[in-house]
């Protein structure tokens, strides 16, 4: 076990494992529980991802299937990982140097437009929901929806109920009008778990400076995404990733920037194969921004947020 602490806001590994019938403990993917043992503390938010072809009952049944798989994996591997649902459970697991797993949904289409299903998600351990994927769903429009608008009436109800229940709102993938609807409706800090800077790379999935400042103002987080297309219009390198970090830091993001790798859900930037290469990235961040800032980006900012914002 090393001395590095690492908290990642987003990976698709649980969904990939469910689809490929492999386990979380050991696999050939970017993330595994075995790889996590190299860190002093490792916390990972595992997303149940739904593509835009799933809607209604099909989407809800798919969510239940992957959530059931994840729960089984957590039970099988309880000797090394703690499935955390509250700040107290996160703190306990960190104190025991156990791996920390949290569960999220990427695409609220999983709820099939039902707040009853939101309560089911809470019972299943979901503590963060990305409101949309790229397209349109019951809650609102994603960033690639045609003539994208904002939140629907259900979307507004969903944000309010998530705030009430203590489920964190994630605006990655959401349209810009939807983002500002969340900013107006949310009563608690919200996050963009895996989004980069539109000023550095003009991809529609990235955040404008005003959006980033709004998240910072509210006490939220932004996780740097390792997807090459979001980092550069050309061939992406780790220097491009550092440029996104640098830009966000210049916008006042010292307490807001985190890691949101998107492992097992994207084509990675050159120089990162999986979580086994995160030591290298931490070293580059330390060289450019200092060890204290690198530690905050890698672990401290996210750990503080989730211990303060989960019941």
Protein backbone atom coordinates (compact mmCIF):
# COMPACT_ATOMS: atom_id res chain seq x y z
CA UNK A 1 0.00 0.00 0.00
CA UNK A 2 1.36 3.42 -1.00
CA UNK A 3 0.96 6.84 0.57
CA UNK A 4 -1.09 8.49 -2.19
CA UNK A 5 -4.75 9.28 -1.57
CA UNK A 6 -7.04 9.21 -4.60
CA UNK A 7 -10.76 10.06 -4.97
CA UNK A 8 -12.37 9.67 -8.41
CA UNK A 9 -15.82 11.14 -9.09
CA UNK A 10 -16.74 8.98 -12.08
CA UNK A 11 -16.03 5.66 -13.75
CA UNK A 12 -18.21 3.27 -15.77
CA UNK A 13 -16.46 0.16 -14.49
CA UNK A 14 -19.40 -1.38 -12.64
CA UNK A 15 -21.58 -1.16 -15.74
CA UNK A 16 -18.80 -2.65 -17.89
CA UNK A 17 -18.25 -5.48 -15.41
CA UNK A 18 -21.96 -6.28 -15.37
CA UNK A 19 -22.08 -6.37 -19.17
CA UNK A 20 -18.87 -8.40 -19.53
CA UNK A 21 -19.67 -10.78 -16.64
CA UNK A 22 -16.43 -10.03 -14.80
CA UNK A 23 -15.77 -8.97 -11.23
CA UNK A 24 -14.73 -5.69 -9.67
CA UNK A 25 -11.92 -7.30 -7.66
CA UNK A 26 -9.80 -8.38 -10.61
CA UNK A 27 -10.40 -7.63 -14.30
CA UNK A 28 -8.69 -6.28 -17.43
CA UNK A 29 -10.38 -2.88 -17.19
CA UNK A 30 -9.03 0.52 -16.07
CA UNK A 31 -10.37 0.14 -12.53
CA UNK A 32 -10.32 -2.78 -10.11
CA UNK A 33 -10.29 -3.28 -6.38
CA UNK A 34 -6.88 -4.92 -6.67
CA UNK A 35 -5.43 -1.82 -8.36
CA UNK A 36 -6.92 0.31 -5.61
CA UNK A 37 -4.79 -1.42 -3.00
CA UNK A 38 -1.75 0.57 -4.13
CA UNK A 39 -3.23 3.72 -2.53
CA UNK A 40 -3.33 4.68 1.13
CA UNK A 41 -6.94 5.75 0.63
CA UNK A 42 -8.96 5.21 -2.53
CA UNK A 43 -12.53 6.38 -3.03
CA UNK A 44 -14.42 5.66 -6.24
CA UNK A 45 -17.86 6.69 -7.44
CA UNK A 46 -19.13 3.87 -9.66
CA UNK A 47 -21.75 4.97 -12.21
CA UNK A 48 -24.63 2.95 -13.59
CA UNK A 49 -24.60 4.30 -17.14
CA UNK A 50 -27.63 4.28 -19.44
CA UNK A 51 -27.29 5.14 -23.10
CA UNK A 52 -30.00 7.21 -24.73
CA UNK A 53 -31.63 4.17 -26.30
CA UNK A 54 -33.07 3.12 -22.92
CA UNK A 55 -36.21 4.79 -21.68
CA UNK A 56 -39.23 4.00 -19.50
CA UNK A 57 -39.53 0.56 -17.95
CA UNK A 58 -36.52 -0.74 -19.89
CA UNK A 59 -34.30 1.95 -18.36
CA UNK A 60 -35.56 1.30 -14.84
CA UNK A 61 -35.10 -2.48 -15.16
CA UNK A 62 -31.57 -1.97 -16.45
CA UNK A 63 -30.74 0.24 -13.48
CA UNK A 64 -32.07 -2.41 -11.10
CA UNK A 65 -30.01 -5.12 -12.79
CA UNK A 66 -26.71 -3.23 -12.58
CA UNK A 67 -27.47 -2.01 -9.04
CA UNK A 68 -28.09 -5.61 -7.99
CA UNK A 69 -24.82 -6.70 -9.58
CA UNK A 70 -22.97 -3.91 -7.78
CA UNK A 71 -24.49 -4.79 -4.41
CA UNK A 72 -23.45 -8.43 -4.90
CA UNK A 73 -19.89 -7.35 -5.75
CA UNK A 74 -19.75 -5.18 -2.64
CA UNK A 75 -20.81 -8.15 -0.47
CA UNK A 76 -18.29 -10.48 -2.10
CA UNK A 77 -15.46 -8.04 -1.51
CA UNK A 78 -16.43 -6.60 1.87
CA UNK A 79 -13.00 -7.53 3.22
CA UNK A 80 -11.36 -4.74 1.17
CA UNK A 81 -14.12 -2.29 0.16
CA UNK A 82 -16.86 -0.46 2.00
CA UNK A 83 -20.08 0.44 0.12
CA UNK A 84 -20.65 3.88 1.66
CA UNK A 85 -23.99 5.66 1.86
CA UNK A 86 -23.23 8.44 4.34
CA UNK A 87 -20.48 10.78 5.47
CA UNK A 88 -20.01 8.72 8.64
CA UNK A 89 -19.46 5.56 6.58
CA UNK A 90 -16.93 7.36 4.36
CA UNK A 91 -15.01 8.61 7.40
CA UNK A 92 -15.08 5.17 9.03
CA UNK A 93 -13.79 3.42 5.90
CA UNK A 94 -11.06 6.02 5.38
CA UNK A 95 -9.96 5.63 9.00
CA UNK A 96 -9.68 1.89 8.51
CA UNK A 97 -7.83 2.34 5.16
CA UNK A 98 -10.58 0.39 3.38
CA UNK A 99 -11.44 1.17 -0.20
CA UNK A 100 -14.48 3.46 -0.44
CA UNK A 101 -17.19 2.82 -3.03
CA UNK A 102 -20.13 5.09 -3.75
CA UNK A 103 -22.87 4.46 -6.30
CA UNK A 104 -24.23 6.89 -8.89
CA UNK A 105 -26.57 6.88 -11.87
CA UNK A 106 -25.46 8.44 -15.16
CA UNK A 107 -28.73 9.45 -16.75
CA UNK A 108 -31.91 9.95 -14.72
CA UNK A 109 -33.83 8.11 -17.45
CA UNK A 110 -33.12 5.22 -15.06
CA UNK A 111 -35.98 6.57 -12.92
CA UNK A 112 -38.50 6.43 -15.80
CA UNK A 113 -39.98 9.77 -14.73
CA UNK A 114 -40.98 8.53 -11.27
CA UNK A 115 -40.05 10.02 -7.90
CA UNK A 116 -41.01 6.65 -6.39
CA UNK A 117 -38.13 5.19 -8.35
CA UNK A 118 -35.88 7.88 -6.90
CA UNK A 119 -36.69 6.48 -3.48
CA UNK A 120 -35.84 3.01 -4.81
CA UNK A 121 -32.49 4.39 -5.98
CA UNK A 122 -31.84 5.83 -2.53
CA UNK A 123 -32.58 2.44 -0.96
CA UNK A 124 -30.17 0.83 -3.43
CA UNK A 125 -27.41 3.15 -2.16
CA UNK A 126 -27.38 5.73 -4.98
CA UNK A 127 -26.03 9.02 -3.64
CA UNK A 128 -25.40 10.95 -6.88
CA UNK A 129 -27.36 11.23 -10.13
CA UNK A 130 -26.20 12.73 -13.44
CA UNK A 131 -29.47 14.26 -14.63
CA UNK A 132 -29.07 13.44 -18.32
CA UNK A 133 -26.77 11.71 -20.69
CA UNK A 134 -26.31 13.41 -24.07
CA UNK A 135 -29.92 13.24 -25.27
CA UNK A 136 -33.39 14.13 -24.02
CA UNK A 137 -35.01 12.33 -21.08
CA UNK A 138 -37.85 12.88 -18.63
CA UNK A 139 -35.80 15.36 -16.57
CA UNK A 140 -34.59 17.57 -19.42
CA UNK A 141 -32.19 17.88 -22.33
CA UNK A 142 -28.62 16.74 -22.58
CA UNK A 143 -25.92 18.75 -24.32
CA UNK A 144 -26.43 16.99 -27.66
CA UNK A 145 -30.25 17.11 -27.79
CA UNK A 146 -31.62 18.89 -30.85
CA UNK A 147 -32.72 22.45 -30.00
CA UNK A 148 -31.78 21.69 -26.40
CA UNK A 149 -33.86 23.32 -23.71
CA UNK A 150 -33.65 23.12 -19.94
CA UNK A 151 -35.27 21.06 -17.22
CA UNK A 152 -38.81 19.75 -17.51
CA UNK A 153 -41.32 20.15 -14.66
CA UNK A 154 -40.29 16.63 -13.58
CA UNK A 155 -36.66 17.72 -13.75
CA UNK A 156 -37.31 20.59 -11.35
CA UNK A 157 -39.18 18.24 -9.01
CA UNK A 158 -36.32 15.76 -9.25
CA UNK A 159 -33.68 18.34 -8.29
CA UNK A 160 -35.74 19.47 -5.29
CA UNK A 161 -36.37 15.90 -4.14
CA UNK A 162 -32.72 14.93 -4.58
CA UNK A 163 -31.77 17.91 -2.42
CA UNK A 164 -34.29 16.82 0.19
CA UNK A 165 -33.10 13.21 0.25
CA UNK A 166 -29.40 14.03 0.16
CA UNK A 167 -28.63 12.74 -3.32
CA UNK A 168 -26.05 14.94 -5.05
CA UNK A 169 -27.06 16.57 -8.36
CA UNK A 170 -24.56 16.12 -11.21
CA UNK A 171 -24.75 18.44 -14.25
CA UNK A 172 -22.19 16.71 -16.50
CA UNK A 173 -23.81 16.03 -19.91
CA UNK A 174 -26.63 18.52 -19.18
CA UNK A 175 -27.52 21.25 -21.70
CA UNK A 176 -26.47 24.80 -20.82
CA UNK A 177 -30.12 25.94 -20.30
CA UNK A 178 -30.57 22.91 -18.03
CA UNK A 179 -27.46 23.86 -16.09
CA UNK A 180 -28.83 27.31 -15.31
CA UNK A 181 -32.18 25.79 -14.34
CA UNK A 182 -30.31 23.65 -11.80
CA UNK A 183 -28.40 26.69 -10.56
CA UNK A 184 -31.72 28.45 -9.90
CA UNK A 185 -33.51 25.45 -8.39
CA UNK A 186 -30.82 23.76 -6.30
CA UNK A 187 -30.77 24.43 -2.57
CA UNK A 188 -27.53 22.49 -2.04
CA UNK A 189 -24.13 22.39 -3.78
CA UNK A 190 -24.07 20.50 -7.08
CA UNK A 191 -21.25 19.01 -9.11
CA UNK A 192 -20.01 18.24 -12.61
CA UNK A 193 -18.37 14.89 -12.01
CA UNK A 194 -16.55 14.55 -15.34
CA UNK A 195 -16.36 17.78 -17.36
CA UNK A 196 -13.52 19.94 -18.65
CA UNK A 197 -13.13 23.60 -19.69
CA UNK A 198 -14.80 24.92 -22.83
CA UNK A 199 -12.33 27.84 -22.92
CA UNK A 200 -9.48 25.35 -23.36
CA UNK A 201 -11.33 22.88 -25.64
CA UNK A 202 -14.58 23.99 -27.25
CA UNK A 203 -16.39 20.64 -27.01
CA UNK A 204 -20.11 20.98 -26.19
CA UNK A 205 -19.63 18.65 -23.18
CA UNK A 206 -17.31 21.09 -21.44
CA UNK A 207 -18.15 23.90 -19.01
CA UNK A 208 -18.06 27.59 -19.78
CA UNK A 209 -16.18 29.83 -17.39
CA UNK A 210 -19.47 31.17 -16.05
CA UNK A 211 -20.73 27.64 -15.37
CA UNK A 212 -17.53 26.74 -13.56
CA UNK A 213 -17.70 29.91 -11.44
CA UNK A 214 -21.30 29.10 -10.54
CA UNK A 215 -20.33 25.64 -9.28
CA UNK A 216 -17.46 27.14 -7.28
CA UNK A 217 -19.72 29.83 -5.82
CA UNK A 218 -22.13 27.18 -4.58
CA UNK A 219 -19.44 25.03 -2.98
CA UNK A 220 -19.52 22.28 -5.62
CA UNK A 221 -16.93 20.17 -7.45
CA UNK A 222 -15.75 19.69 -11.03
CA UNK A 223 -13.96 16.45 -11.92
CA UNK A 224 -11.37 16.61 -14.71
CA UNK A 225 -12.36 14.15 -17.45
CA UNK A 226 -9.60 12.13 -19.16
CA UNK A 227 -11.49 11.68 -22.46
CA UNK A 228 -9.15 12.83 -25.21
CA UNK A 229 -11.92 14.63 -27.16
CA UNK A 230 -12.76 16.85 -24.19
CA UNK A 231 -9.12 17.82 -23.60
CA UNK A 232 -8.00 18.91 -27.07
CA UNK A 233 -9.31 19.46 -30.59
CA UNK A 234 -6.31 17.48 -31.82
CA UNK A 235 -4.16 14.77 -30.32
CA UNK A 236 -4.58 15.10 -26.55
CA UNK A 237 -1.63 14.81 -24.17
CA UNK A 238 -1.18 15.16 -20.43
CA UNK A 239 -0.04 18.74 -21.07
CA UNK A 240 -3.54 19.43 -22.37
CA UNK A 241 -5.03 17.95 -19.21
CA UNK A 242 -2.80 20.22 -17.12
CA UNK A 243 -4.01 23.22 -19.14
CA UNK A 244 -7.61 22.49 -18.11
CA UNK A 245 -6.57 22.23 -14.48
CA UNK A 246 -4.58 25.46 -14.74
CA UNK A 247 -7.51 27.33 -16.27
CA UNK A 248 -9.93 26.17 -13.58
CA UNK A 249 -7.46 27.10 -10.85
CA UNK A 250 -7.15 30.60 -12.31
CA UNK A 251 -10.94 30.88 -12.07
CA UNK A 252 -10.77 30.29 -8.31
CA UNK A 253 -11.17 26.53 -8.32
CA UNK A 254 -8.58 25.61 -5.69
CA UNK A 255 -11.25 23.94 -3.53
CA UNK A 256 -13.42 22.74 -6.42
CA UNK A 257 -11.20 20.88 -8.89
CA UNK A 258 -11.14 17.10 -8.50
CA UNK A 259 -10.59 13.97 -10.59
CA UNK A 260 -13.45 12.59 -12.71
CA UNK A 261 -11.54 10.19 -14.93
CA UNK A 262 -14.41 8.56 -16.87
CA UNK A 263 -12.37 5.34 -16.72
CA UNK A 264 -13.92 2.46 -18.67
CA UNK A 265 -16.23 4.90 -20.44
CA UNK A 266 -14.01 6.78 -22.90
CA UNK A 267 -10.86 6.87 -25.03
CA UNK A 268 -8.23 8.03 -22.59
CA UNK A 269 -5.65 10.75 -23.05
CA UNK A 270 -2.22 9.45 -24.06
CA UNK A 271 -0.15 8.62 -20.99
CA UNK A 272 -2.94 7.21 -18.83
CA UNK A 273 -3.98 3.56 -19.23
CA UNK A 274 -5.98 3.26 -16.00
CA UNK A 275 -5.77 3.94 -12.31
CA UNK A 276 -2.31 2.34 -12.18
CA UNK A 277 -0.98 5.53 -13.84
CA UNK A 278 -2.47 8.01 -11.39
CA UNK A 279 0.80 8.26 -9.45
CA UNK A 280 2.33 9.76 -12.59
CA UNK A 281 -0.45 12.31 -12.95
CA UNK A 282 -0.16 13.30 -9.29
CA UNK A 283 3.55 13.87 -9.86
CA UNK A 284 2.89 16.16 -12.82
CA UNK A 285 0.30 18.13 -10.86
CA UNK A 286 2.73 18.47 -7.95
CA UNK A 287 5.48 19.75 -10.24
CA UNK A 288 3.24 22.37 -11.85
CA UNK A 289 0.96 23.46 -9.01
CA UNK A 290 2.63 22.25 -5.81
CA UNK A 291 2.06 19.18 -3.64
CA UNK A 292 -0.69 20.78 -1.55
CA UNK A 293 -2.79 21.64 -4.60
CA UNK A 294 -2.16 18.23 -6.15
CA UNK A 295 -3.33 16.50 -2.95
CA UNK A 296 -6.47 18.64 -2.87
CA UNK A 297 -7.31 17.81 -6.50
CA UNK A 298 -6.58 14.12 -6.03
CA UNK A 299 -8.41 13.59 -2.75
CA UNK A 300 -8.95 16.46 -0.34
CA UNK A 301 -11.57 18.47 -2.23
CA UNK A 302 -13.78 15.48 -3.00
CA UNK A 303 -13.38 13.94 0.45
CA UNK A 304 -14.39 17.22 2.10
CA UNK A 305 -17.39 17.65 -0.22
CA UNK A 306 -18.85 14.20 0.33
CA UNK A 307 -18.27 14.14 4.06
CA UNK A 308 -20.05 17.50 4.29
CA UNK A 309 -22.90 16.81 1.86
CA UNK A 310 -24.00 13.25 2.58
CA UNK A 311 -26.20 12.71 5.63
